[in-house]
Amino acid sequence: MSDIKRLDSGPRMSQAVIHGGLVYLAGQVGKPGESVTDQTRTILAGIEDLLARSGSDKSRILQATIWMADMADFAEMNAVWDAWVDPANPPARATGEAKLATPEYKVEIIIVAAVA
């Protein structure tokens, strides 16, 4: 299994798994109870860190799946996302509404990216 690298592994999951030229990030969340804007900023900063540690960056994101506790907050999340995403290399993306792990989480983002 030396061809699979895992970052920040715990008993249940790893925050990132690198295999076959791709990095798969676990669902990233912000600080419980913060605003949608602040949670999204925290999540995207964490994504950038994990991608860098995986040998990738946001220009190499292939797919983003975004879960929101309430789609009424879609525009607020998008304002942060649009300012962050690489406009020359936007990923395929889907956004949906779901009950997240706790009611204090408002946004969760899952990323698949190519490794450089």
PDB file of N, CA and C in Angstrom:
ATOM      1  N   MET A   1       0.817  -1.195   0.000  1.00  0.00           N
ATOM      2  CA  MET A   1       0.000   0.000   0.000  1.00  0.00           C
ATOM      3  C   MET A   1       0.861   1.259   0.000  1.00  0.00           C
ATOM      4  N   SER A   2       2.116   1.150  -0.354  1.00  0.00           N
ATOM      5  CA  SER A   2       2.986   2.311  -0.366  1.00  0.00           C
ATOM      6  C   SER A   2       2.611   3.308  -1.455  1.00  0.00           C
ATOM      7  N   ASP A   3       1.760   2.893  -2.407  1.00  0.00           N
ATOM      8  CA  ASP A   3       1.326   3.810  -3.448  1.00  0.00           C
ATOM      9  C   ASP A   3       0.167   4.690  -2.991  1.00  0.00           C
ATOM     10  N   ILE A   4      -0.287   4.499  -1.769  1.00  0.00           N
ATOM     11  CA  ILE A   4      -1.356   5.314  -1.182  1.00  0.00           C
ATOM     12  C   ILE A   4      -0.766   6.081  -0.001  1.00  0.00           C
ATOM     13  N   LYS A   5      -0.926   7.402  -0.025  1.00  0.00           N
ATOM     14  CA  LYS A   5      -0.448   8.242   1.076  1.00  0.00           C
ATOM     15  C   LYS A   5      -1.652   8.879   1.750  1.00  0.00           C
ATOM     16  N   ARG A   6      -1.649   8.884   3.060  1.00  0.00           N
ATOM     17  CA  ARG A   6      -2.748   9.461   3.838  1.00  0.00           C
ATOM     18  C   ARG A   6      -2.221  10.577   4.727  1.00  0.00           C
ATOM     19  N   LEU A   7      -2.961  11.671   4.797  1.00  0.00           N
ATOM     20  CA  LEU A   7      -2.592  12.808   5.645  1.00  0.00           C
ATOM     21  C   LEU A   7      -3.590  12.957   6.779  1.00  0.00           C
ATOM     22  N   ASP A   8      -3.065  13.283   7.945  1.00  0.00           N
ATOM     23  CA  ASP A   8      -3.898  13.557   9.119  1.00  0.00           C
ATOM     24  C   ASP A   8      -4.929  12.447   9.358  1.00  0.00           C
ATOM     25  N   SER A   9      -4.409  11.226   9.470  1.00  0.00           N
ATOM     26  CA  SER A   9      -5.276  10.064   9.683  1.00  0.00           C
ATOM     27  C   SER A   9      -5.672   9.931  11.142  1.00  0.00           C
ATOM     28  N   GLY A  10      -6.890   9.528  11.352  1.00  0.00           N
ATOM     29  CA  GLY A  10      -7.397   9.217  12.672  1.00  0.00           C
ATOM     30  C   GLY A  10      -8.021   7.839  12.633  1.00  0.00           C
ATOM     31  N   PRO A  11      -8.679   7.439  13.704  1.00  0.00           N
ATOM     32  CA  PRO A  11      -9.263   6.094  13.736  1.00  0.00           C
ATOM     33  C   PRO A  11     -10.420   5.909  12.748  1.00  0.00           C
ATOM     34  N   ARG A  12     -11.057   7.005  12.337  1.00  0.00           N
ATOM     35  CA  ARG A  12     -12.224   6.912  11.473  1.00  0.00           C
ATOM     36  C   ARG A  12     -11.925   7.286  10.026  1.00  0.00           C
ATOM     37  N   MET A  13     -11.015   8.245   9.827  1.00  0.00           N
ATOM     38  CA  MET A  13     -10.799   8.772   8.475  1.00  0.00           C
ATOM     39  C   MET A  13      -9.485   9.514   8.377  1.00  0.00           C
ATOM     40  N   SER A  14      -9.093   9.789   7.131  1.00  0.00           N
ATOM     41  CA  SER A  14      -7.947  10.634   6.833  1.00  0.00           C
ATOM     42  C   SER A  14      -8.481  11.926   6.235  1.00  0.00           C
ATOM     43  N   GLN A  15      -7.785  13.035   6.469  1.00  0.00           N
ATOM     44  CA  GLN A  15      -8.221  14.311   5.892  1.00  0.00           C
ATOM     45  C   GLN A  15      -7.920  14.379   4.399  1.00  0.00           C
ATOM     46  N   ALA A  16      -6.892  13.634   3.953  1.00  0.00           N
ATOM     47  CA  ALA A  16      -6.563  13.578   2.531  1.00  0.00           C
ATOM     48  C   ALA A  16      -5.984  12.203   2.221  1.00  0.00           C
ATOM     49  N   VAL A  17      -6.315  11.689   1.032  1.00  0.00           N
ATOM     50  CA  VAL A  17      -5.754  10.434   0.544  1.00  0.00           C
ATOM     51  C   VAL A  17      -5.240  10.698  -0.865  1.00  0.00           C
ATOM     52  N   ILE A  18      -3.974  10.365  -1.094  1.00  0.00           N
ATOM     53  CA  ILE A  18      -3.334  10.602  -2.385  1.00  0.00           C
ATOM     54  C   ILE A  18      -3.079   9.256  -3.041  1.00  0.00           C
ATOM     55  N   HIS A  19      -3.552   9.106  -4.279  1.00  0.00           N
ATOM     56  CA  HIS A  19      -3.387   7.848  -5.009  1.00  0.00           C
ATOM     57  C   HIS A  19      -3.605   8.097  -6.497  1.00  0.00           C
ATOM     58  N   GLY A  20      -2.783   7.490  -7.308  1.00  0.00           N
ATOM     59  CA  GLY A  20      -2.990   7.544  -8.752  1.00  0.00           C
ATOM     60  C   GLY A  20      -2.989   8.940  -9.336  1.00  0.00           C
ATOM     61  N   GLY A  21      -2.183   9.838  -8.777  1.00  0.00           N
ATOM     62  CA  GLY A  21      -2.112  11.199  -9.296  1.00  0.00           C
ATOM     63  C   GLY A  21      -3.244  12.104  -8.864  1.00  0.00           C
ATOM     64  N   LEU A  22      -4.068  11.631  -7.940  1.00  0.00           N
ATOM     65  CA  LEU A  22      -5.196  12.419  -7.439  1.00  0.00           C
ATOM     66  C   LEU A  22      -5.119  12.538  -5.925  1.00  0.00           C
ATOM     67  N   VAL A  23      -5.686  13.610  -5.400  1.00  0.00           N
ATOM     68  CA  VAL A  23      -5.837  13.763  -3.959  1.00  0.00           C
ATOM     69  C   VAL A  23      -7.331  13.927  -3.680  1.00  0.00           C
ATOM     70  N   TYR A  24      -7.799  13.152  -2.735  1.00  0.00           N
ATOM     71  CA  TYR A  24      -9.198  13.163  -2.307  1.00  0.00           C
ATOM     72  C   TYR A  24      -9.240  13.753  -0.905  1.00  0.00           C
ATOM     73  N   LEU A  25      -9.961  14.841  -0.731  1.00  0.00           N
ATOM     74  CA  LEU A  25     -10.080  15.447   0.587  1.00  0.00           C
ATOM     75  C   LEU A  25     -11.372  15.000   1.255  1.00  0.00           C
ATOM     76  N   ALA A  26     -11.287  14.778   2.546  1.00  0.00           N
ATOM     77  CA  ALA A  26     -12.483  14.512   3.336  1.00  0.00           C
ATOM     78  C   ALA A  26     -13.342  15.776   3.344  1.00  0.00           C
ATOM     79  N   GLY A  27     -14.577  15.649   3.733  1.00  0.00           N
ATOM     80  CA  GLY A  27     -15.429  16.822   3.859  1.00  0.00           C
ATOM     81  C   GLY A  27     -14.834  17.784   4.867  1.00  0.00           C
ATOM     82  N   GLN A  28     -14.585  19.010   4.429  1.00  0.00           N
ATOM     83  CA  GLN A  28     -13.964  20.023   5.280  1.00  0.00           C
ATOM     84  C   GLN A  28     -15.053  20.939   5.831  1.00  0.00           C
ATOM     85  N   VAL A  29     -14.967  21.220   7.122  1.00  0.00           N
ATOM     86  CA  VAL A  29     -15.946  22.084   7.780  1.00  0.00           C
ATOM     87  C   VAL A  29     -15.221  23.210   8.511  1.00  0.00           C
ATOM     88  N   GLY A  30     -15.963  24.258   8.811  1.00  0.00           N
ATOM     89  CA  GLY A  30     -15.420  25.392   9.551  1.00  0.00           C
ATOM     90  C   GLY A  30     -15.645  25.223  11.035  1.00  0.00           C
ATOM     91  N   LYS A  31     -15.605  26.336  11.732  1.00  0.00           N
ATOM     92  CA  LYS A  31     -15.832  26.310  13.175  1.00  0.00           C
ATOM     93  C   LYS A  31     -17.332  26.342  13.447  1.00  0.00           C
ATOM     94  N   PRO A  32     -17.826  25.409  14.258  1.00  0.00           N
ATOM     95  CA  PRO A  32     -19.256  25.363  14.550  1.00  0.00           C
ATOM     96  C   PRO A  32     -19.761  26.693  15.095  1.00  0.00           C
ATOM     97  N   GLY A  33     -20.915  27.118  14.595  1.00  0.00           N
ATOM     98  CA  GLY A  33     -21.543  28.326  15.088  1.00  0.00           C
ATOM     99  C   GLY A  33     -21.133  29.600  14.383  1.00  0.00           C
ATOM    100  N   GLU A  34     -20.039  29.578  13.593  1.00  0.00           N
ATOM    101  CA  GLU A  34     -19.651  30.774  12.845  1.00  0.00           C
ATOM    102  C   GLU A  34     -20.624  31.011  11.701  1.00  0.00           C
ATOM    103  N   SER A  35     -20.553  32.188  11.106  1.00  0.00           N
ATOM    104  CA  SER A  35     -21.406  32.524   9.961  1.00  0.00           C
ATOM    105  C   SER A  35     -21.021  31.669   8.756  1.00  0.00           C
ATOM    106  N   VAL A  36     -21.870  31.629   7.771  1.00  0.00           N
ATOM    107  CA  VAL A  36     -21.587  30.929   6.525  1.00  0.00           C
ATOM    108  C   VAL A  36     -20.311  31.492   5.897  1.00  0.00           C
ATOM    109  N   THR A  37     -20.182  32.811   5.886  1.00  0.00           N
ATOM    110  CA  THR A  37     -18.992  33.452   5.330  1.00  0.00           C
ATOM    111  C   THR A  37     -17.736  32.984   6.043  1.00  0.00           C
ATOM    112  N   ASP A  38     -17.732  33.034   7.360  1.00  0.00           N
ATOM    113  CA  ASP A  38     -16.546  32.650   8.125  1.00  0.00           C
ATOM    114  C   ASP A  38     -16.255  31.160   7.998  1.00  0.00           C
ATOM    115  N   GLN A  39     -17.286  30.317   8.041  1.00  0.00           N
ATOM    116  CA  GLN A  39     -17.060  28.882   7.867  1.00  0.00           C
ATOM    117  C   GLN A  39     -16.476  28.597   6.492  1.00  0.00           C
ATOM    118  N   THR A  40     -16.992  29.246   5.460  1.00  0.00           N
ATOM    119  CA  THR A  40     -16.494  29.012   4.105  1.00  0.00           C
ATOM    120  C   THR A  40     -15.037  29.456   3.996  1.00  0.00           C
ATOM    121  N   ARG A  41     -14.697  30.597   4.556  1.00  0.00           N
ATOM    122  CA  ARG A  41     -13.298  31.065   4.534  1.00  0.00           C
ATOM    123  C   ARG A  41     -12.375  30.073   5.238  1.00  0.00           C
ATOM    124  N   THR A  42     -12.789  29.589   6.398  1.00  0.00           N
ATOM    125  CA  THR A  42     -11.996  28.622   7.156  1.00  0.00           C
ATOM    126  C   THR A  42     -11.815  27.331   6.358  1.00  0.00           C
ATOM    127  N   ILE A  43     -12.890  26.862   5.753  1.00  0.00           N
ATOM    128  CA  ILE A  43     -12.847  25.637   4.953  1.00  0.00           C
ATOM    129  C   ILE A  43     -11.869  25.799   3.793  1.00  0.00           C
ATOM    130  N   LEU A  44     -11.977  26.890   3.057  1.00  0.00           N
ATOM    131  CA  LEU A  44     -11.131  27.087   1.882  1.00  0.00           C
ATOM    132  C   LEU A  44      -9.661  27.227   2.267  1.00  0.00           C
ATOM    133  N   ALA A  45      -9.377  27.854   3.409  1.00  0.00           N
ATOM    134  CA  ALA A  45      -7.995  27.934   3.893  1.00  0.00           C
ATOM    135  C   ALA A  45      -7.479  26.537   4.231  1.00  0.00           C
ATOM    136  N   GLY A  46      -8.308  25.730   4.837  1.00  0.00           N
ATOM    137  CA  GLY A  46      -7.923  24.352   5.152  1.00  0.00           C
ATOM    138  C   GLY A  46      -7.702  23.521   3.898  1.00  0.00           C
ATOM    139  N   ILE A  47      -8.545  23.736   2.893  1.00  0.00           N
ATOM    140  CA  ILE A  47      -8.383  23.043   1.612  1.00  0.00           C
ATOM    141  C   ILE A  47      -7.049  23.429   0.979  1.00  0.00           C
ATOM    142  N   GLU A  48      -6.736  24.720   0.977  1.00  0.00           N
ATOM    143  CA  GLU A  48      -5.453  25.164   0.407  1.00  0.00           C
ATOM    144  C   GLU A  48      -4.283  24.499   1.119  1.00  0.00           C
ATOM    145  N   ASP A  49      -4.335  24.410   2.438  1.00  0.00           N
ATOM    146  CA  ASP A  49      -3.270  23.780   3.211  1.00  0.00           C
ATOM    147  C   ASP A  49      -3.142  22.301   2.852  1.00  0.00           C
ATOM    148  N   LEU A  50      -4.240  21.573   2.834  1.00  0.00           N
ATOM    149  CA  LEU A  50      -4.192  20.149   2.503  1.00  0.00           C
ATOM    150  C   LEU A  50      -3.708  19.920   1.081  1.00  0.00           C
ATOM    151  N   LEU A  51      -4.156  20.754   0.151  1.00  0.00           N
ATOM    152  CA  LEU A  51      -3.699  20.609  -1.233  1.00  0.00           C
ATOM    153  C   LEU A  51      -2.194  20.846  -1.327  1.00  0.00           C
ATOM    154  N   ALA A  52      -1.696  21.886  -0.666  1.00  0.00           N
ATOM    155  CA  ALA A  52      -0.258  22.179  -0.699  1.00  0.00           C
ATOM    156  C   ALA A  52       0.536  21.012  -0.124  1.00  0.00           C
ATOM    157  N   ARG A  53       0.074  20.467   0.983  1.00  0.00           N
ATOM    158  CA  ARG A  53       0.765  19.339   1.615  1.00  0.00           C
ATOM    159  C   ARG A  53       0.678  18.073   0.768  1.00  0.00           C
ATOM    160  N   SER A  54      -0.275  18.036  -0.156  1.00  0.00           N
ATOM    161  CA  SER A  54      -0.468  16.891  -1.052  1.00  0.00           C
ATOM    162  C   SER A  54       0.252  17.059  -2.382  1.00  0.00           C
ATOM    163  N   GLY A  55       0.877  18.216  -2.590  1.00  0.00           N
ATOM    164  CA  GLY A  55       1.543  18.472  -3.860  1.00  0.00           C
ATOM    165  C   GLY A  55       0.605  18.986  -4.927  1.00  0.00           C
ATOM    166  N   SER A  56      -0.412  19.714  -4.513  1.00  0.00           N
ATOM    167  CA  SER A  56      -1.401  20.252  -5.444  1.00  0.00           C
ATOM    168  C   SER A  56      -1.718  21.694  -5.042  1.00  0.00           C
ATOM    169  N   ASP A  57      -2.673  22.297  -5.740  1.00  0.00           N
ATOM    170  CA  ASP A  57      -3.158  23.635  -5.383  1.00  0.00           C
ATOM    171  C   ASP A  57      -4.534  23.826  -6.000  1.00  0.00           C
ATOM    172  N   LYS A  58      -5.146  24.967  -5.713  1.00  0.00           N
ATOM    173  CA  LYS A  58      -6.534  25.170  -6.132  1.00  0.00           C
ATOM    174  C   LYS A  58      -6.707  25.235  -7.643  1.00  0.00           C
ATOM    175  N   SER A  59      -5.638  25.496  -8.396  1.00  0.00           N
ATOM    176  CA  SER A  59      -5.753  25.503  -9.861  1.00  0.00           C
ATOM    177  C   SER A  59      -5.893  24.090 -10.417  1.00  0.00           C
ATOM    178  N   ARG A  60      -5.643  23.085  -9.583  1.00  0.00           N
ATOM    179  CA  ARG A  60      -5.689  21.690 -10.019  1.00  0.00           C
ATOM    180  C   ARG A  60      -6.915  20.954  -9.490  1.00  0.00           C
ATOM    181  N   ILE A  61      -7.857  21.694  -8.886  1.00  0.00           N
ATOM    182  CA  ILE A  61      -9.084  21.059  -8.399  1.00  0.00           C
ATOM    183  C   ILE A  61      -9.909  20.597  -9.595  1.00  0.00           C
ATOM    184  N   LEU A  62     -10.304  19.340  -9.558  1.00  0.00           N
ATOM    185  CA  LEU A  62     -11.115  18.757 -10.620  1.00  0.00           C
ATOM    186  C   LEU A  62     -12.601  18.812 -10.286  1.00  0.00           C
ATOM    187  N   GLN A  63     -12.917  18.534  -9.029  1.00  0.00           N
ATOM    188  CA  GLN A  63     -14.316  18.462  -8.620  1.00  0.00           C
ATOM    189  C   GLN A  63     -14.486  18.980  -7.198  1.00  0.00           C
ATOM    190  N   ALA A  64     -15.562  19.714  -6.991  1.00  0.00           N
ATOM    191  CA  ALA A  64     -15.939  20.182  -5.653  1.00  0.00           C
ATOM    192  C   ALA A  64     -17.392  19.801  -5.413  1.00  0.00           C
ATOM    193  N   THR A  65     -17.638  19.221  -4.264  1.00  0.00           N
ATOM    194  CA  THR A  65     -19.007  18.933  -3.831  1.00  0.00           C
ATOM    195  C   THR A  65     -19.232  19.745  -2.567  1.00  0.00           C
ATOM    196  N   ILE A  66     -20.242  20.584  -2.599  1.00  0.00           N
ATOM    197  CA  ILE A  66     -20.521  21.472  -1.472  1.00  0.00           C
ATOM    198  C   ILE A  66     -21.876  21.104  -0.883  1.00  0.00           C
ATOM    199  N   TRP A  67     -21.875  20.836   0.403  1.00  0.00           N
ATOM    200  CA  TRP A  67     -23.118  20.589   1.131  1.00  0.00           C
ATOM    201  C   TRP A  67     -23.399  21.793   2.011  1.00  0.00           C
ATOM    202  N   MET A  68     -24.648  22.231   1.983  1.00  0.00           N
ATOM    203  CA  MET A  68     -25.079  23.358   2.798  1.00  0.00           C
ATOM    204  C   MET A  68     -26.241  22.928   3.681  1.00  0.00           C
ATOM    205  N   ALA A  69     -26.242  23.409   4.904  1.00  0.00           N
ATOM    206  CA  ALA A  69     -27.344  23.097   5.807  1.00  0.00           C
ATOM    207  C   ALA A  69     -28.637  23.760   5.333  1.00  0.00           C
ATOM    208  N   ASP A  70     -28.496  24.906   4.652  1.00  0.00           N
ATOM    209  CA  ASP A  70     -29.668  25.652   4.191  1.00  0.00           C
ATOM    210  C   ASP A  70     -29.311  26.364   2.881  1.00  0.00           C
ATOM    211  N   MET A  71     -29.971  26.003   1.796  1.00  0.00           N
ATOM    212  CA  MET A  71     -29.674  26.610   0.499  1.00  0.00           C
ATOM    213  C   MET A  71     -30.016  28.102   0.472  1.00  0.00           C
ATOM    214  N   ALA A  72     -30.702  28.602   1.480  1.00  0.00           N
ATOM    215  CA  ALA A  72     -30.950  30.041   1.572  1.00  0.00           C
ATOM    216  C   ALA A  72     -29.629  30.799   1.731  1.00  0.00           C
ATOM    217  N   ASP A  73     -28.566  30.089   2.158  1.00  0.00           N
ATOM    218  CA  ASP A  73     -27.252  30.699   2.350  1.00  0.00           C
ATOM    219  C   ASP A  73     -26.342  30.533   1.136  1.00  0.00           C
ATOM    220  N   PHE A  74     -26.889  30.051   0.030  1.00  0.00           N
ATOM    221  CA  PHE A  74     -26.121  29.761  -1.183  1.00  0.00           C
ATOM    222  C   PHE A  74     -25.339  30.983  -1.676  1.00  0.00           C
ATOM    223  N   ALA A  75     -25.982  32.134  -1.774  1.00  0.00           N
ATOM    224  CA  ALA A  75     -25.321  33.349  -2.279  1.00  0.00           C
ATOM    225  C   ALA A  75     -24.188  33.785  -1.351  1.00  0.00           C
ATOM    226  N   GLU A  76     -24.382  33.659  -0.043  1.00  0.00           N
ATOM    227  CA  GLU A  76     -23.343  34.042   0.915  1.00  0.00           C
ATOM    228  C   GLU A  76     -22.106  33.152   0.758  1.00  0.00           C
ATOM    229  N   MET A  77     -22.313  31.842   0.620  1.00  0.00           N
ATOM    230  CA  MET A  77     -21.198  30.925   0.396  1.00  0.00           C
ATOM    231  C   MET A  77     -20.527  31.224  -0.941  1.00  0.00           C
ATOM    232  N   ASN A  78     -21.329  31.448  -1.985  1.00  0.00           N
ATOM    233  CA  ASN A  78     -20.777  31.709  -3.320  1.00  0.00           C
ATOM    234  C   ASN A  78     -19.924  32.974  -3.362  1.00  0.00           C
ATOM    235  N   ALA A  79     -20.274  33.980  -2.578  1.00  0.00           N
ATOM    236  CA  ALA A  79     -19.481  35.217  -2.554  1.00  0.00           C
ATOM    237  C   ALA A  79     -18.047  34.916  -2.119  1.00  0.00           C
ATOM    238  N   VAL A  80     -17.887  34.041  -1.141  1.00  0.00           N
ATOM    239  CA  VAL A  80     -16.558  33.662  -0.668  1.00  0.00           C
ATOM    240  C   VAL A  80     -15.889  32.741  -1.689  1.00  0.00           C
ATOM    241  N   TRP A  81     -16.619  31.754  -2.170  1.00  0.00           N
ATOM    242  CA  TRP A  81     -16.082  30.810  -3.164  1.00  0.00           C
ATOM    243  C   TRP A  81     -15.599  31.549  -4.412  1.00  0.00           C
ATOM    244  N   ASP A  82     -16.420  32.446  -4.938  1.00  0.00           N
ATOM    245  CA  ASP A  82     -16.086  33.148  -6.186  1.00  0.00           C
ATOM    246  C   ASP A  82     -14.826  33.992  -6.043  1.00  0.00           C
ATOM    247  N   ALA A  83     -14.598  34.552  -4.862  1.00  0.00           N
ATOM    248  CA  ALA A  83     -13.387  35.342  -4.628  1.00  0.00           C
ATOM    249  C   ALA A  83     -12.155  34.451  -4.468  1.00  0.00           C
ATOM    250  N   TRP A  84     -12.354  33.184  -4.142  1.00  0.00           N
ATOM    251  CA  TRP A  84     -11.260  32.254  -3.869  1.00  0.00           C
ATOM    252  C   TRP A  84     -10.883  31.380  -5.069  1.00  0.00           C
ATOM    253  N   VAL A  85     -11.867  30.875  -5.772  1.00  0.00           N
ATOM    254  CA  VAL A  85     -11.609  29.885  -6.826  1.00  0.00           C
ATOM    255  C   VAL A  85     -10.723  30.481  -7.921  1.00  0.00           C
ATOM    256  N   ASP A  86      -9.890  29.635  -8.540  1.00  0.00           N
ATOM    257  CA  ASP A  86      -9.036  30.080  -9.642  1.00  0.00           C
ATOM    258  C   ASP A  86      -9.926  30.283 -10.872  1.00  0.00           C
ATOM    259  N   PRO A  87     -10.146  31.529 -11.308  1.00  0.00           N
ATOM    260  CA  PRO A  87     -11.082  31.778 -12.408  1.00  0.00           C
ATOM    261  C   PRO A  87     -10.630  31.173 -13.739  1.00  0.00           C
ATOM    262  N   ALA A  88      -9.335  30.919 -13.884  1.00  0.00           N
ATOM    263  CA  ALA A  88      -8.833  30.307 -15.116  1.00  0.00           C
ATOM    264  C   ALA A  88      -9.010  28.786 -15.106  1.00  0.00           C
ATOM    265  N   ASN A  89      -9.271  28.219 -13.919  1.00  0.00           N
ATOM    266  CA  ASN A  89      -9.365  26.762 -13.779  1.00  0.00           C
ATOM    267  C   ASN A  89     -10.500  26.354 -12.839  1.00  0.00           C
ATOM    268  N   PRO A  90     -11.731  26.787 -13.098  1.00  0.00           N
ATOM    269  CA  PRO A  90     -12.811  26.415 -12.180  1.00  0.00           C
ATOM    270  C   PRO A  90     -13.121  24.916 -12.292  1.00  0.00           C
ATOM    271  N   PRO A  91     -13.362  24.275 -11.167  1.00  0.00           N
ATOM    272  CA  PRO A  91     -13.648  22.837 -11.189  1.00  0.00           C
ATOM    273  C   PRO A  91     -15.095  22.552 -11.563  1.00  0.00           C
ATOM    274  N   ALA A  92     -15.366  21.291 -11.862  1.00  0.00           N
ATOM    275  CA  ALA A  92     -16.753  20.831 -11.907  1.00  0.00           C
ATOM    276  C   ALA A  92     -17.257  20.942 -10.467  1.00  0.00           C
ATOM    277  N   ARG A  93     -18.514  21.363 -10.294  1.00  0.00           N
ATOM    278  CA  ARG A  93     -18.993  21.608  -8.932  1.00  0.00           C
ATOM    279  C   ARG A  93     -20.470  21.288  -8.826  1.00  0.00           C
ATOM    280  N   ALA A  94     -20.840  20.756  -7.686  1.00  0.00           N
ATOM    281  CA  ALA A  94     -22.242  20.541  -7.354  1.00  0.00           C
ATOM    282  C   ALA A  94     -22.469  21.042  -5.936  1.00  0.00           C
ATOM    283  N   THR A  95     -23.635  21.610  -5.699  1.00  0.00           N
ATOM    284  CA  THR A  95     -23.993  22.087  -4.361  1.00  0.00           C
ATOM    285  C   THR A  95     -25.374  21.555  -4.025  1.00  0.00           C
ATOM    286  N   GLY A  96     -25.518  21.035  -2.827  1.00  0.00           N
ATOM    287  CA  GLY A  96     -26.802  20.521  -2.394  1.00  0.00           C
ATOM    288  C   GLY A  96     -27.041  20.840  -0.934  1.00  0.00           C
ATOM    289  N   GLU A  97     -28.270  20.623  -0.510  1.00  0.00           N
ATOM    290  CA  GLU A  97     -28.649  20.855   0.883  1.00  0.00           C
ATOM    291  C   GLU A  97     -28.714  19.520   1.600  1.00  0.00           C
ATOM    292  N   ALA A  98     -28.134  19.484   2.792  1.00  0.00           N
ATOM    293  CA  ALA A  98     -28.136  18.262   3.585  1.00  0.00           C
ATOM    294  C   ALA A  98     -28.058  18.609   5.064  1.00  0.00           C
ATOM    295  N   LYS A  99     -28.536  17.711   5.884  1.00  0.00           N
ATOM    296  CA  LYS A  99     -28.358  17.848   7.326  1.00  0.00           C
ATOM    297  C   LYS A  99     -26.904  17.474   7.608  1.00  0.00           C
ATOM    298  N   LEU A 100     -26.122  18.402   8.139  1.00  0.00           N
ATOM    299  CA  LEU A 100     -24.711  18.164   8.400  1.00  0.00           C
ATOM    300  C   LEU A 100     -24.519  17.539   9.783  1.00  0.00           C
ATOM    301  N   ALA A 101     -23.271  17.229  10.137  1.00  0.00           N
ATOM    302  CA  ALA A 101     -22.975  16.469  11.355  1.00  0.00           C
ATOM    303  C   ALA A 101     -23.574  17.079  12.617  1.00  0.00           C
ATOM    304  N   THR A 102     -23.543  18.405  12.721  1.00  0.00           N
ATOM    305  CA  THR A 102     -24.205  19.086  13.832  1.00  0.00           C
ATOM    306  C   THR A 102     -24.916  20.308  13.266  1.00  0.00           C
ATOM    307  N   PRO A 103     -25.930  20.798  13.939  1.00  0.00           N
ATOM    308  CA  PRO A 103     -26.649  21.973  13.434  1.00  0.00           C
ATOM    309  C   PRO A 103     -25.775  23.234  13.347  1.00  0.00           C
ATOM    310  N   GLU A 104     -24.643  23.263  14.052  1.00  0.00           N
ATOM    311  CA  GLU A 104     -23.758  24.431  14.026  1.00  0.00           C
ATOM    312  C   GLU A 104     -22.911  24.502  12.760  1.00  0.00           C
ATOM    313  N   TYR A 105     -22.829  23.393  12.016  1.00  0.00           N
ATOM    314  CA  TYR A 105     -22.125  23.408  10.727  1.00  0.00           C
ATOM    315  C   TYR A 105     -23.089  23.887   9.661  1.00  0.00           C
ATOM    316  N   LYS A 106     -22.644  24.833   8.854  1.00  0.00           N
ATOM    317  CA  LYS A 106     -23.489  25.393   7.809  1.00  0.00           C
ATOM    318  C   LYS A 106     -23.017  25.009   6.409  1.00  0.00           C
ATOM    319  N   VAL A 107     -21.717  24.665   6.276  1.00  0.00           N
ATOM    320  CA  VAL A 107     -21.117  24.349   4.982  1.00  0.00           C
ATOM    321  C   VAL A 107     -20.126  23.208   5.163  1.00  0.00           C
ATOM    322  N   GLU A 108     -20.088  22.297   4.185  1.00  0.00           N
ATOM    323  CA  GLU A 108     -19.075  21.252   4.139  1.00  0.00           C
ATOM    324  C   GLU A 108     -18.651  21.121   2.675  1.00  0.00           C
ATOM    325  N   ILE A 109     -17.333  21.083   2.427  1.00  0.00           N
ATOM    326  CA  ILE A 109     -16.827  21.024   1.055  1.00  0.00           C
ATOM    327  C   ILE A 109     -15.896  19.826   0.898  1.00  0.00           C
ATOM    328  N   ILE A 110     -16.128  19.065  -0.169  1.00  0.00           N
ATOM    329  CA  ILE A 110     -15.336  17.884  -0.517  1.00  0.00           C
ATOM    330  C   ILE A 110     -14.643  18.178  -1.841  1.00  0.00           C
ATOM    331  N   ILE A 111     -13.356  17.872  -1.924  1.00  0.00           N
ATOM    332  CA  ILE A 111     -12.541  18.210  -3.092  1.00  0.00           C
ATOM    333  C   ILE A 111     -11.826  16.971  -3.621  1.00  0.00           C
ATOM    334  N   VAL A 112     -11.733  16.898  -4.966  1.00  0.00           N
ATOM    335  CA  VAL A 112     -10.847  15.963  -5.644  1.00  0.00           C
ATOM    336  C   VAL A 112      -9.964  16.820  -6.553  1.00  0.00           C
ATOM    337  N   ALA A 113      -8.644  16.637  -6.468  1.00  0.00           N
ATOM    338  CA  ALA A 113      -7.715  17.444  -7.248  1.00  0.00           C
ATOM    339  C   ALA A 113      -6.603  16.574  -7.833  1.00  0.00           C
ATOM    340  N   ALA A 114      -6.013  17.053  -8.903  1.00  0.00           N
ATOM    341  CA  ALA A 114      -4.845  16.402  -9.497  1.00  0.00           C
ATOM    342  C   ALA A 114      -3.616  16.825  -8.706  1.00  0.00           C
ATOM    343  N   VAL A 115      -2.693  15.895  -8.535  1.00  0.00           N
ATOM    344  CA  VAL A 115      -1.419  16.187  -7.885  1.00  0.00           C
ATOM    345  C   VAL A 115      -0.443  16.631  -8.978  1.00  0.00           C
ATOM    346  N   ALA A 116       0.367  17.631  -8.675  1.00  0.00           N
ATOM    347  CA  ALA A 116       1.310  18.148  -9.669  1.00  0.00           C
ATOM    348  C   ALA A 116       2.389  17.123  -9.978  1.00  0.00           C
TER     349      ALA A 116
END
